[in-house]
mmCIF file of all heavy atoms, coordinates in Angstrom:
data_MODEL
# 
_entry.id   MODEL 
# 
loop_
_atom_site.group_PDB 
_atom_site.id 
_atom_site.type_symbol 
_atom_site.label_atom_id 
_atom_site.label_alt_id 
_atom_site.label_comp_id 
_atom_site.label_asym_id 
_atom_site.label_entity_id 
_atom_site.label_seq_id 
_atom_site.pdbx_PDB_ins_code 
_atom_site.Cartn_x 
_atom_site.Cartn_y 
_atom_site.Cartn_z 
_atom_site.occupancy 
_atom_site.B_iso_or_equiv 
_atom_site.pdbx_formal_charge 
_atom_site.auth_seq_id 
_atom_site.auth_comp_id 
_atom_site.auth_asym_id 
_atom_site.auth_atom_id 
_atom_site.pdbx_PDB_model_num 
ATOM 1   N N   . ARG A 1 1  ? 0.814   -1.243 -0.013  1.00 0.00 ? 1  ARG A N   1 
ATOM 2   C CA  . ARG A 1 1  ? 0.012   0.020  0.037   1.00 0.00 ? 1  ARG A CA  1 
ATOM 3   C C   . ARG A 1 1  ? 0.957   1.186  -0.012  1.00 0.00 ? 1  ARG A C   1 
ATOM 4   O O   . ARG A 1 1  ? 1.197   1.841  1.056   1.00 0.00 ? 1  ARG A O   1 
ATOM 5   C CB  . ARG A 1 1  ? -0.910  0.061  1.247   1.00 0.00 ? 1  ARG A CB  1 
ATOM 6   C CG  . ARG A 1 1  ? -1.845  -1.185 1.386   1.00 0.00 ? 1  ARG A CG  1 
ATOM 7   C CD  . ARG A 1 1  ? -2.958  -1.205 0.305   1.00 0.00 ? 1  ARG A CD  1 
ATOM 8   N NE  . ARG A 1 1  ? -3.864  -0.143 0.507   1.00 0.00 ? 1  ARG A NE  1 
ATOM 9   C CZ  . ARG A 1 1  ? -4.909  0.002  -0.302  1.00 0.00 ? 1  ARG A CZ  1 
ATOM 10  N NH1 . ARG A 1 1  ? -5.094  -0.711 -1.392  1.00 0.00 ? 1  ARG A NH1 1 
ATOM 11  N NH2 . ARG A 1 1  ? -5.710  0.958  0.029   1.00 0.00 ? 1  ARG A NH2 1 
ATOM 12  N N   . LEU A 1 2  ? 1.270   1.713  -1.223  1.00 0.00 ? 2  LEU A N   1 
ATOM 13  C CA  . LEU A 1 2  ? 2.063   2.780  -1.341  1.00 0.00 ? 2  LEU A CA  1 
ATOM 14  C C   . LEU A 1 2  ? 1.533   3.965  -2.121  1.00 0.00 ? 2  LEU A C   1 
ATOM 15  O O   . LEU A 1 2  ? 1.222   3.728  -3.338  1.00 0.00 ? 2  LEU A O   1 
ATOM 16  C CB  . LEU A 1 2  ? 3.479   2.448  -1.926  1.00 0.00 ? 2  LEU A CB  1 
ATOM 17  C CG  . LEU A 1 2  ? 4.556   3.570  -2.166  1.00 0.00 ? 2  LEU A CG  1 
ATOM 18  C CD1 . LEU A 1 2  ? 5.066   4.157  -0.821  1.00 0.00 ? 2  LEU A CD1 1 
ATOM 19  C CD2 . LEU A 1 2  ? 5.681   3.004  -2.991  1.00 0.00 ? 2  LEU A CD2 1 
ATOM 20  N N   . ALA A 1 3  ? 1.044   4.935  -1.478  1.00 0.00 ? 3  ALA A N   1 
ATOM 21  C CA  . ALA A 1 3  ? 0.330   5.968  -2.113  1.00 0.00 ? 3  ALA A CA  1 
ATOM 22  C C   . ALA A 1 3  ? 1.330   6.961  -2.863  1.00 0.00 ? 3  ALA A C   1 
ATOM 23  O O   . ALA A 1 3  ? 2.405   7.259  -2.344  1.00 0.00 ? 3  ALA A O   1 
ATOM 24  C CB  . ALA A 1 3  ? -0.461  6.910  -1.201  1.00 0.00 ? 3  ALA A CB  1 
ATOM 25  N N   . THR A 1 4  ? 0.931   7.407  -4.053  1.00 0.00 ? 4  THR A N   1 
ATOM 26  C CA  . THR A 1 4  ? 1.792   8.352  -4.894  1.00 0.00 ? 4  THR A CA  1 
ATOM 27  C C   . THR A 1 4  ? 0.908   9.389  -5.473  1.00 0.00 ? 4  THR A C   1 
ATOM 28  O O   . THR A 1 4  ? -0.303  9.307  -5.503  1.00 0.00 ? 4  THR A O   1 
ATOM 29  C CB  . THR A 1 4  ? 2.528   7.560  -6.007  1.00 0.00 ? 4  THR A CB  1 
ATOM 30  O OG1 . THR A 1 4  ? 1.509   7.045  -6.949  1.00 0.00 ? 4  THR A OG1 1 
ATOM 31  C CG2 . THR A 1 4  ? 3.299   6.484  -5.576  1.00 0.00 ? 4  THR A CG2 1 
ATOM 32  N N   . ILE A 1 5  ? 1.566   10.606 -5.693  1.00 0.00 ? 5  ILE A N   1 
ATOM 33  C CA  . ILE A 1 5  ? 0.880   11.639 -6.569  1.00 0.00 ? 5  ILE A CA  1 
ATOM 34  C C   . ILE A 1 5  ? 1.124   11.413 -7.919  1.00 0.00 ? 5  ILE A C   1 
ATOM 35  O O   . ILE A 1 5  ? 2.428   11.419 -8.380  1.00 0.00 ? 5  ILE A O   1 
ATOM 36  C CB  . ILE A 1 5  ? 1.356   13.006 -5.999  1.00 0.00 ? 5  ILE A CB  1 
ATOM 37  C CG1 . ILE A 1 5  ? 1.243   13.231 -4.509  1.00 0.00 ? 5  ILE A CG1 1 
ATOM 38  C CG2 . ILE A 1 5  ? 0.715   14.146 -6.783  1.00 0.00 ? 5  ILE A CG2 1 
ATOM 39  C CD1 . ILE A 1 5  ? 1.829   14.349 -4.003  1.00 0.00 ? 5  ILE A CD1 1 
ATOM 40  N N   . PRO A 1 6  ? 0.136   11.254 -8.764  1.00 0.00 ? 6  PRO A N   1 
ATOM 41  C CA  . PRO A 1 6  ? 0.406   11.073 -10.278 1.00 0.00 ? 6  PRO A CA  1 
ATOM 42  C C   . PRO A 1 6  ? 1.043   12.352 -10.860 1.00 0.00 ? 6  PRO A C   1 
ATOM 43  O O   . PRO A 1 6  ? 0.816   13.371 -10.393 1.00 0.00 ? 6  PRO A O   1 
ATOM 44  C CB  . PRO A 1 6  ? -0.917  10.666 -10.815 1.00 0.00 ? 6  PRO A CB  1 
ATOM 45  C CG  . PRO A 1 6  ? -1.883  11.214 -9.881  1.00 0.00 ? 6  PRO A CG  1 
ATOM 46  C CD  . PRO A 1 6  ? -1.295  11.263 -8.546  1.00 0.00 ? 6  PRO A CD  1 
ATOM 47  N N   . GLY A 1 7  ? 1.810   12.045 -11.949 1.00 0.00 ? 7  GLY A N   1 
ATOM 48  C CA  . GLY A 1 7  ? 2.316   13.152 -12.695 1.00 0.00 ? 7  GLY A CA  1 
ATOM 49  C C   . GLY A 1 7  ? 3.588   13.684 -12.019 1.00 0.00 ? 7  GLY A C   1 
ATOM 50  O O   . GLY A 1 7  ? 4.194   13.260 -11.199 1.00 0.00 ? 7  GLY A O   1 
ATOM 51  N N   . THR A 1 8  ? 3.989   14.917 -12.712 1.00 0.00 ? 8  THR A N   1 
ATOM 52  C CA  . THR A 1 8  ? 5.095   15.563 -12.145 1.00 0.00 ? 8  THR A CA  1 
ATOM 53  C C   . THR A 1 8  ? 4.849   17.071 -12.056 1.00 0.00 ? 8  THR A C   1 
ATOM 54  O O   . THR A 1 8  ? 3.841   17.527 -12.682 1.00 0.00 ? 8  THR A O   1 
ATOM 55  C CB  . THR A 1 8  ? 6.397   15.319 -13.176 1.00 0.00 ? 8  THR A CB  1 
ATOM 56  O OG1 . THR A 1 8  ? 6.041   15.817 -14.555 1.00 0.00 ? 8  THR A OG1 1 
ATOM 57  C CG2 . THR A 1 8  ? 6.779   13.910 -13.335 1.00 0.00 ? 8  THR A CG2 1 
ATOM 58  N N   . VAL A 1 9  ? 5.782   17.734 -11.503 1.00 0.00 ? 9  VAL A N   1 
ATOM 59  C CA  . VAL A 1 9  ? 5.693   19.204 -11.415 1.00 0.00 ? 9  VAL A CA  1 
ATOM 60  C C   . VAL A 1 9  ? 5.889   19.784 -12.819 1.00 0.00 ? 9  VAL A C   1 
ATOM 61  O O   . VAL A 1 9  ? 6.919   19.427 -13.473 1.00 0.00 ? 9  VAL A O   1 
ATOM 62  C CB  . VAL A 1 9  ? 6.695   19.838 -10.530 1.00 0.00 ? 9  VAL A CB  1 
ATOM 63  C CG1 . VAL A 1 9  ? 6.545   21.333 -10.409 1.00 0.00 ? 9  VAL A CG1 1 
ATOM 64  C CG2 . VAL A 1 9  ? 6.546   19.231 -9.088  1.00 0.00 ? 9  VAL A CG2 1 
ATOM 65  N N   . PRO A 1 10 ? 5.035   20.650 -13.327 1.00 0.00 ? 10 PRO A N   1 
ATOM 66  C CA  . PRO A 1 10 ? 5.141   21.279 -14.678 1.00 0.00 ? 10 PRO A CA  1 
ATOM 67  C C   . PRO A 1 10 ? 6.318   22.120 -14.656 1.00 0.00 ? 10 PRO A C   1 
ATOM 68  O O   . PRO A 1 10 ? 6.767   22.738 -13.635 1.00 0.00 ? 10 PRO A O   1 
ATOM 69  C CB  . PRO A 1 10 ? 3.791   21.978 -14.816 1.00 0.00 ? 10 PRO A CB  1 
ATOM 70  C CG  . PRO A 1 10 ? 3.311   22.329 -13.567 1.00 0.00 ? 10 PRO A CG  1 
ATOM 71  C CD  . PRO A 1 10 ? 3.698   21.131 -12.598 1.00 0.00 ? 10 PRO A CD  1 
ATOM 72  N N   . PRO A 1 11 ? 6.873   22.379 -15.836 1.00 0.00 ? 11 PRO A N   1 
ATOM 73  C CA  . PRO A 1 11 ? 8.021   23.379 -15.879 1.00 0.00 ? 11 PRO A CA  1 
ATOM 74  C C   . PRO A 1 11 ? 7.637   24.747 -15.599 1.00 0.00 ? 11 PRO A C   1 
ATOM 75  O O   . PRO A 1 11 ? 6.465   25.151 -15.928 1.00 0.00 ? 11 PRO A O   1 
ATOM 76  C CB  . PRO A 1 11 ? 8.371   23.210 -17.474 1.00 0.00 ? 11 PRO A CB  1 
ATOM 77  C CG  . PRO A 1 11 ? 7.230   22.731 -18.205 1.00 0.00 ? 11 PRO A CG  1 
ATOM 78  C CD  . PRO A 1 11 ? 6.562   21.906 -17.171 1.00 0.00 ? 11 PRO A CD  1 
ATOM 79  N N   . PRO A 1 12 ? 8.471   25.530 -15.037 1.00 0.00 ? 12 PRO A N   1 
ATOM 80  C CA  . PRO A 1 12 ? 8.071   26.945 -14.530 1.00 0.00 ? 12 PRO A CA  1 
ATOM 81  C C   . PRO A 1 12 ? 7.969   27.747 -15.821 1.00 0.00 ? 12 PRO A C   1 
ATOM 82  O O   . PRO A 1 12 ? 7.504   28.979 -15.599 1.00 0.00 ? 12 PRO A O   1 
ATOM 83  C CB  . PRO A 1 12 ? 9.341   27.308 -13.711 1.00 0.00 ? 12 PRO A CB  1 
ATOM 84  C CG  . PRO A 1 12 ? 10.397  26.527 -14.146 1.00 0.00 ? 12 PRO A CG  1 
ATOM 85  C CD  . PRO A 1 12 ? 9.807   25.129 -14.495 1.00 0.00 ? 12 PRO A CD  1 
ATOM 86  N N   . THR A 1 13 ? 8.289   27.336 -16.983 1.00 0.00 ? 13 THR A N   1 
ATOM 87  C CA  . THR A 1 13 ? 7.955   28.088 -18.131 1.00 0.00 ? 13 THR A CA  1 
ATOM 88  C C   . THR A 1 13 ? 6.586   28.092 -18.656 1.00 0.00 ? 13 THR A C   1 
ATOM 89  O O   . THR A 1 13 ? 6.099   28.848 -19.473 1.00 0.00 ? 13 THR A O   1 
ATOM 90  C CB  . THR A 1 13 ? 8.899   27.796 -19.411 1.00 0.00 ? 13 THR A CB  1 
ATOM 91  O OG1 . THR A 1 13 ? 8.886   26.411 -19.593 1.00 0.00 ? 13 THR A OG1 1 
ATOM 92  C CG2 . THR A 1 13 ? 10.395  28.256 -18.972 1.00 0.00 ? 13 THR A CG2 1 
ATOM 93  N N   . ALA A 1 14 ? 5.843   27.067 -18.053 1.00 0.00 ? 14 ALA A N   1 
ATOM 94  C CA  . ALA A 1 14 ? 4.520   26.813 -18.443 1.00 0.00 ? 14 ALA A CA  1 
ATOM 95  C C   . ALA A 1 14 ? 3.596   26.255 -17.377 1.00 0.00 ? 14 ALA A C   1 
ATOM 96  O O   . ALA A 1 14 ? 3.012   25.320 -17.371 1.00 0.00 ? 14 ALA A O   1 
ATOM 97  C CB  . ALA A 1 14 ? 4.526   25.799 -19.611 1.00 0.00 ? 14 ALA A CB  1 
ATOM 98  N N   . TRP A 1 15 ? 3.583   27.184 -16.302 1.00 0.00 ? 15 TRP A N   1 
ATOM 99  C CA  . TRP A 1 15 ? 2.600   26.877 -15.223 1.00 0.00 ? 15 TRP A CA  1 
ATOM 100 C C   . TRP A 1 15 ? 1.206   26.748 -15.841 1.00 0.00 ? 15 TRP A C   1 
ATOM 101 O O   . TRP A 1 15 ? 0.790   27.640 -16.645 1.00 0.00 ? 15 TRP A O   1 
ATOM 102 C CB  . TRP A 1 15 ? 2.600   27.849 -14.142 1.00 0.00 ? 15 TRP A CB  1 
ATOM 103 C CG  . TRP A 1 15 ? 3.861   28.152 -13.392 1.00 0.00 ? 15 TRP A CG  1 
ATOM 104 C CD1 . TRP A 1 15 ? 4.452   29.277 -13.068 1.00 0.00 ? 15 TRP A CD1 1 
ATOM 105 C CD2 . TRP A 1 15 ? 4.615   27.118 -12.668 1.00 0.00 ? 15 TRP A CD2 1 
ATOM 106 N NE1 . TRP A 1 15 ? 5.701   29.055 -12.308 1.00 0.00 ? 15 TRP A NE1 1 
ATOM 107 C CE2 . TRP A 1 15 ? 5.802   27.653 -12.116 1.00 0.00 ? 15 TRP A CE2 1 
ATOM 108 C CE3 . TRP A 1 15 ? 4.632   25.649 -12.642 1.00 0.00 ? 15 TRP A CE3 1 
ATOM 109 C CZ2 . TRP A 1 15 ? 6.740   27.012 -11.375 1.00 0.00 ? 15 TRP A CZ2 1 
ATOM 110 C CZ3 . TRP A 1 15 ? 5.649   25.004 -12.087 1.00 0.00 ? 15 TRP A CZ3 1 
ATOM 111 C CH2 . TRP A 1 15 ? 6.643   25.654 -11.329 1.00 0.00 ? 15 TRP A CH2 1 
ATOM 112 N N   . PRO A 1 16 ? 0.377   25.801 -15.415 1.00 0.00 ? 16 PRO A N   1 
ATOM 113 C CA  . PRO A 1 16 ? -0.961  25.711 -16.021 1.00 0.00 ? 16 PRO A CA  1 
ATOM 114 C C   . PRO A 1 16 ? -1.867  26.871 -15.534 1.00 0.00 ? 16 PRO A C   1 
ATOM 115 O O   . PRO A 1 16 ? -1.505  27.348 -14.463 1.00 0.00 ? 16 PRO A O   1 
ATOM 116 C CB  . PRO A 1 16 ? -1.477  24.394 -15.536 1.00 0.00 ? 16 PRO A CB  1 
ATOM 117 C CG  . PRO A 1 16 ? -0.604  24.063 -14.434 1.00 0.00 ? 16 PRO A CG  1 
ATOM 118 C CD  . PRO A 1 16 ? 0.677   24.641 -14.600 1.00 0.00 ? 16 PRO A CD  1 
ATOM 119 N N   . ALA A 1 17 ? -2.933  27.172 -16.302 1.00 0.00 ? 17 ALA A N   1 
ATOM 120 C CA  . ALA A 1 17 ? -3.870  28.248 -15.833 1.00 0.00 ? 17 ALA A CA  1 
ATOM 121 C C   . ALA A 1 17 ? -4.719  27.535 -14.655 1.00 0.00 ? 17 ALA A C   1 
ATOM 122 O O   . ALA A 1 17 ? -4.794  26.498 -14.428 1.00 0.00 ? 17 ALA A O   1 
ATOM 123 C CB  . ALA A 1 17 ? -4.816  28.610 -17.019 1.00 0.00 ? 17 ALA A CB  1 
ATOM 124 N N   . GLY A 1 18 ? -5.255  28.576 -13.970 1.00 0.00 ? 18 GLY A N   1 
ATOM 125 C CA  . GLY A 1 18 ? -6.151  28.226 -12.765 1.00 0.00 ? 18 GLY A CA  1 
ATOM 126 C C   . GLY A 1 18 ? -5.291  27.697 -11.734 1.00 0.00 ? 18 GLY A C   1 
ATOM 127 O O   . GLY A 1 18 ? -4.136  28.172 -11.485 1.00 0.00 ? 18 GLY A O   1 
ATOM 128 N N   . CYS A 1 19 ? -5.682  26.676 -10.941 1.00 0.00 ? 19 CYS A N   1 
ATOM 129 C CA  . CYS A 1 19 ? -4.761  26.012 -9.986  1.00 0.00 ? 19 CYS A CA  1 
ATOM 130 C C   . CYS A 1 19 ? -3.742  25.289 -10.595 1.00 0.00 ? 19 CYS A C   1 
ATOM 131 O O   . CYS A 1 19 ? -3.887  24.504 -11.461 1.00 0.00 ? 19 CYS A O   1 
ATOM 132 C CB  . CYS A 1 19 ? -5.628  25.125 -9.028  1.00 0.00 ? 19 CYS A CB  1 
ATOM 133 S SG  . CYS A 1 19 ? -4.593  24.150 -7.893  1.00 0.00 ? 19 CYS A SG  1 
ATOM 134 N N   . ARG A 1 20 ? -2.483  25.489 -10.150 1.00 0.00 ? 20 ARG A N   1 
ATOM 135 C CA  . ARG A 1 20 ? -1.330  24.835 -10.824 1.00 0.00 ? 20 ARG A CA  1 
ATOM 136 C C   . ARG A 1 20 ? -1.194  23.384 -10.447 1.00 0.00 ? 20 ARG A C   1 
ATOM 137 O O   . ARG A 1 20 ? -0.383  22.679 -11.082 1.00 0.00 ? 20 ARG A O   1 
ATOM 138 C CB  . ARG A 1 20 ? -0.029  25.687 -10.382 1.00 0.00 ? 20 ARG A CB  1 
ATOM 139 C CG  . ARG A 1 20 ? -0.026  26.973 -10.844 1.00 0.00 ? 20 ARG A CG  1 
ATOM 140 C CD  . ARG A 1 20 ? 1.221   27.799 -10.515 1.00 0.00 ? 20 ARG A CD  1 
ATOM 141 N NE  . ARG A 1 20 ? 1.025   29.193 -11.056 1.00 0.00 ? 20 ARG A NE  1 
ATOM 142 C CZ  . ARG A 1 20 ? 1.983   30.143 -10.819 1.00 0.00 ? 20 ARG A CZ  1 
ATOM 143 N NH1 . ARG A 1 20 ? 3.015   29.965 -10.113 1.00 0.00 ? 20 ARG A NH1 1 
ATOM 144 N NH2 . ARG A 1 20 ? 1.715   31.415 -11.354 1.00 0.00 ? 20 ARG A NH2 1 
ATOM 145 N N   . PHE A 1 21 ? -2.046  22.917 -9.526  1.00 0.00 ? 21 PHE A N   1 
ATOM 146 C CA  . PHE A 1 21 ? -1.998  21.520 -9.244  1.00 0.00 ? 21 PHE A CA  1 
ATOM 147 C C   . PHE A 1 21 ? -3.079  20.711 -9.723  1.00 0.00 ? 21 PHE A C   1 
ATOM 148 O O   . PHE A 1 21 ? -3.302  19.486 -9.669  1.00 0.00 ? 21 PHE A O   1 
ATOM 149 C CB  . PHE A 1 21 ? -2.003  21.405 -7.618  1.00 0.00 ? 21 PHE A CB  1 
ATOM 150 C CG  . PHE A 1 21 ? -1.876  19.987 -7.147  1.00 0.00 ? 21 PHE A CG  1 
ATOM 151 C CD1 . PHE A 1 21 ? -0.621  19.281 -7.331  1.00 0.00 ? 21 PHE A CD1 1 
ATOM 152 C CD2 . PHE A 1 21 ? -2.912  19.282 -6.314  1.00 0.00 ? 21 PHE A CD2 1 
ATOM 153 C CE1 . PHE A 1 21 ? -0.511  17.905 -6.917  1.00 0.00 ? 21 PHE A CE1 1 
ATOM 154 C CE2 . PHE A 1 21 ? -2.688  18.040 -5.879  1.00 0.00 ? 21 PHE A CE2 1 
ATOM 155 C CZ  . PHE A 1 21 ? -1.527  17.357 -6.170  1.00 0.00 ? 21 PHE A CZ  1 
ATOM 156 N N   . HIS A 1 22 ? -4.023  21.395 -10.570 1.00 0.00 ? 22 HIS A N   1 
ATOM 157 C CA  . HIS A 1 22 ? -5.271  20.811 -10.957 1.00 0.00 ? 22 HIS A CA  1 
ATOM 158 C C   . HIS A 1 22 ? -5.084  19.527 -11.781 1.00 0.00 ? 22 HIS A C   1 
ATOM 159 O O   . HIS A 1 22 ? -5.903  18.602 -11.758 1.00 0.00 ? 22 HIS A O   1 
ATOM 160 C CB  . HIS A 1 22 ? -6.174  21.818 -11.657 1.00 0.00 ? 22 HIS A CB  1 
ATOM 161 C CG  . HIS A 1 22 ? -5.855  22.093 -13.123 1.00 0.00 ? 22 HIS A CG  1 
ATOM 162 N ND1 . HIS A 1 22 ? -5.117  23.247 -13.489 1.00 0.00 ? 22 HIS A ND1 1 
ATOM 163 C CD2 . HIS A 1 22 ? -6.086  21.323 -14.233 1.00 0.00 ? 22 HIS A CD2 1 
ATOM 164 C CE1 . HIS A 1 22 ? -4.957  23.233 -14.769 1.00 0.00 ? 22 HIS A CE1 1 
ATOM 165 N NE2 . HIS A 1 22 ? -5.530  22.121 -15.201 1.00 0.00 ? 22 HIS A NE2 1 
ATOM 166 N N   . ASP A 1 23 ? -4.045  19.443 -12.636 1.00 0.00 ? 23 ASP A N   1 
ATOM 167 C CA  . ASP A 1 23 ? -3.827  18.343 -13.492 1.00 0.00 ? 23 ASP A CA  1 
ATOM 168 C C   . ASP A 1 23 ? -3.301  17.150 -12.794 1.00 0.00 ? 23 ASP A C   1 
ATOM 169 O O   . ASP A 1 23 ? -3.330  16.007 -13.371 1.00 0.00 ? 23 ASP A O   1 
ATOM 170 C CB  . ASP A 1 23 ? -2.929  18.725 -14.683 1.00 0.00 ? 23 ASP A CB  1 
ATOM 171 C CG  . ASP A 1 23 ? -1.555  19.176 -14.117 1.00 0.00 ? 23 ASP A CG  1 
ATOM 172 O OD1 . ASP A 1 23 ? -1.361  19.568 -13.013 1.00 0.00 ? 23 ASP A OD1 1 
ATOM 173 O OD2 . ASP A 1 23 ? -0.637  19.143 -15.040 1.00 0.00 ? 23 ASP A OD2 1 
ATOM 174 N N   . ARG A 1 24 ? -2.986  17.293 -11.498 1.00 0.00 ? 24 ARG A N   1 
ATOM 175 C CA  . ARG A 1 24 ? -2.606  16.095 -10.674 1.00 0.00 ? 24 ARG A CA  1 
ATOM 176 C C   . ARG A 1 24 ? -3.528  15.903 -9.538  1.00 0.00 ? 24 ARG A C   1 
ATOM 177 O O   . ARG A 1 24 ? -3.340  14.928 -8.808  1.00 0.00 ? 24 ARG A O   1 
ATOM 178 C CB  . ARG A 1 24 ? -1.184  16.309 -10.169 1.00 0.00 ? 24 ARG A CB  1 
ATOM 179 C CG  . ARG A 1 24 ? -0.078  16.698 -11.159 1.00 0.00 ? 24 ARG A CG  1 
ATOM 180 C CD  . ARG A 1 24 ? 1.231   17.085 -10.594 1.00 0.00 ? 24 ARG A CD  1 
ATOM 181 N NE  . ARG A 1 24 ? 1.878   15.868 -9.884  1.00 0.00 ? 24 ARG A NE  1 
ATOM 182 C CZ  . ARG A 1 24 ? 2.895   15.938 -9.203  1.00 0.00 ? 24 ARG A CZ  1 
ATOM 183 N NH1 . ARG A 1 24 ? 3.445   16.987 -8.954  1.00 0.00 ? 24 ARG A NH1 1 
ATOM 184 N NH2 . ARG A 1 24 ? 3.437   14.770 -8.674  1.00 0.00 ? 24 ARG A NH2 1 
ATOM 185 N N   . CYS A 1 25 ? -4.510  16.639 -9.382  1.00 0.00 ? 25 CYS A N   1 
ATOM 186 C CA  . CYS A 1 25 ? -5.417  16.676 -8.283  1.00 0.00 ? 25 CYS A CA  1 
ATOM 187 C C   . CYS A 1 25 ? -6.684  15.758 -8.483  1.00 0.00 ? 25 CYS A C   1 
ATOM 188 O O   . CYS A 1 25 ? -7.362  15.938 -9.459  1.00 0.00 ? 25 CYS A O   1 
ATOM 189 C CB  . CYS A 1 25 ? -5.872  18.139 -7.974  1.00 0.00 ? 25 CYS A CB  1 
ATOM 190 S SG  . CYS A 1 25 ? -6.932  18.199 -6.437  1.00 0.00 ? 25 CYS A SG  1 
ATOM 191 N N   . PRO A 1 26 ? -6.856  14.937 -7.555  1.00 0.00 ? 26 PRO A N   1 
ATOM 192 C CA  . PRO A 1 26 ? -8.173  14.020 -7.706  1.00 0.00 ? 26 PRO A CA  1 
ATOM 193 C C   . PRO A 1 26 ? -9.506  14.738 -7.485  1.00 0.00 ? 26 PRO A C   1 
ATOM 194 O O   . PRO A 1 26 ? -10.427 14.273 -7.798  1.00 0.00 ? 26 PRO A O   1 
ATOM 195 C CB  . PRO A 1 26 ? -7.836  12.876 -6.640  1.00 0.00 ? 26 PRO A CB  1 
ATOM 196 C CG  . PRO A 1 26 ? -7.094  13.550 -5.643  1.00 0.00 ? 26 PRO A CG  1 
ATOM 197 C CD  . PRO A 1 26 ? -6.251  14.564 -6.318  1.00 0.00 ? 26 PRO A CD  1 
ATOM 198 N N   . TYR A 1 27 ? -9.400  15.845 -6.773  1.00 0.00 ? 27 TYR A N   1 
ATOM 199 C CA  . TYR A 1 27 ? -10.618 16.659 -6.593  1.00 0.00 ? 27 TYR A CA  1 
ATOM 200 C C   . TYR A 1 27 ? -10.942 17.729 -7.576  1.00 0.00 ? 27 TYR A C   1 
ATOM 201 O O   . TYR A 1 27 ? -11.909 18.449 -7.477  1.00 0.00 ? 27 TYR A O   1 
ATOM 202 C CB  . TYR A 1 27 ? -10.521 17.392 -5.253  1.00 0.00 ? 27 TYR A CB  1 
ATOM 203 C CG  . TYR A 1 27 ? -10.085 16.454 -4.143  1.00 0.00 ? 27 TYR A CG  1 
ATOM 204 C CD1 . TYR A 1 27 ? -8.820  16.577 -3.421  1.00 0.00 ? 27 TYR A CD1 1 
ATOM 205 C CD2 . TYR A 1 27 ? -10.924 15.297 -3.641  1.00 0.00 ? 27 TYR A CD2 1 
ATOM 206 C CE1 . TYR A 1 27 ? -8.386  15.830 -2.423  1.00 0.00 ? 27 TYR A CE1 1 
ATOM 207 C CE2 . TYR A 1 27 ? -10.453 14.546 -2.607  1.00 0.00 ? 27 TYR A CE2 1 
ATOM 208 C CZ  . TYR A 1 27 ? -9.156  14.718 -2.053  1.00 0.00 ? 27 TYR A CZ  1 
ATOM 209 O OH  . TYR A 1 27 ? -8.814  13.853 -0.975  1.00 0.00 ? 27 TYR A OH  1 
ATOM 210 N N   . ALA A 1 28 ? -10.144 18.001 -8.554  1.00 0.00 ? 28 ALA A N   1 
ATOM 211 C CA  . ALA A 1 28 ? -10.217 19.149 -9.454  1.00 0.00 ? 28 ALA A CA  1 
ATOM 212 C C   . ALA A 1 28 ? -11.556 19.100 -10.191 1.00 0.00 ? 28 ALA A C   1 
ATOM 213 O O   . ALA A 1 28 ? -12.038 18.014 -10.650 1.00 0.00 ? 28 ALA A O   1 
ATOM 214 C CB  . ALA A 1 28 ? -9.022  19.150 -10.361 1.00 0.00 ? 28 ALA A CB  1 
# 
């Protein structure tokens, strides 16, 4: 039982719009 956060930190040249964690967030 090893929990992980999917994906990786996006590059600082292209932070996503909105919440910067939304593409990795299960609640988004």
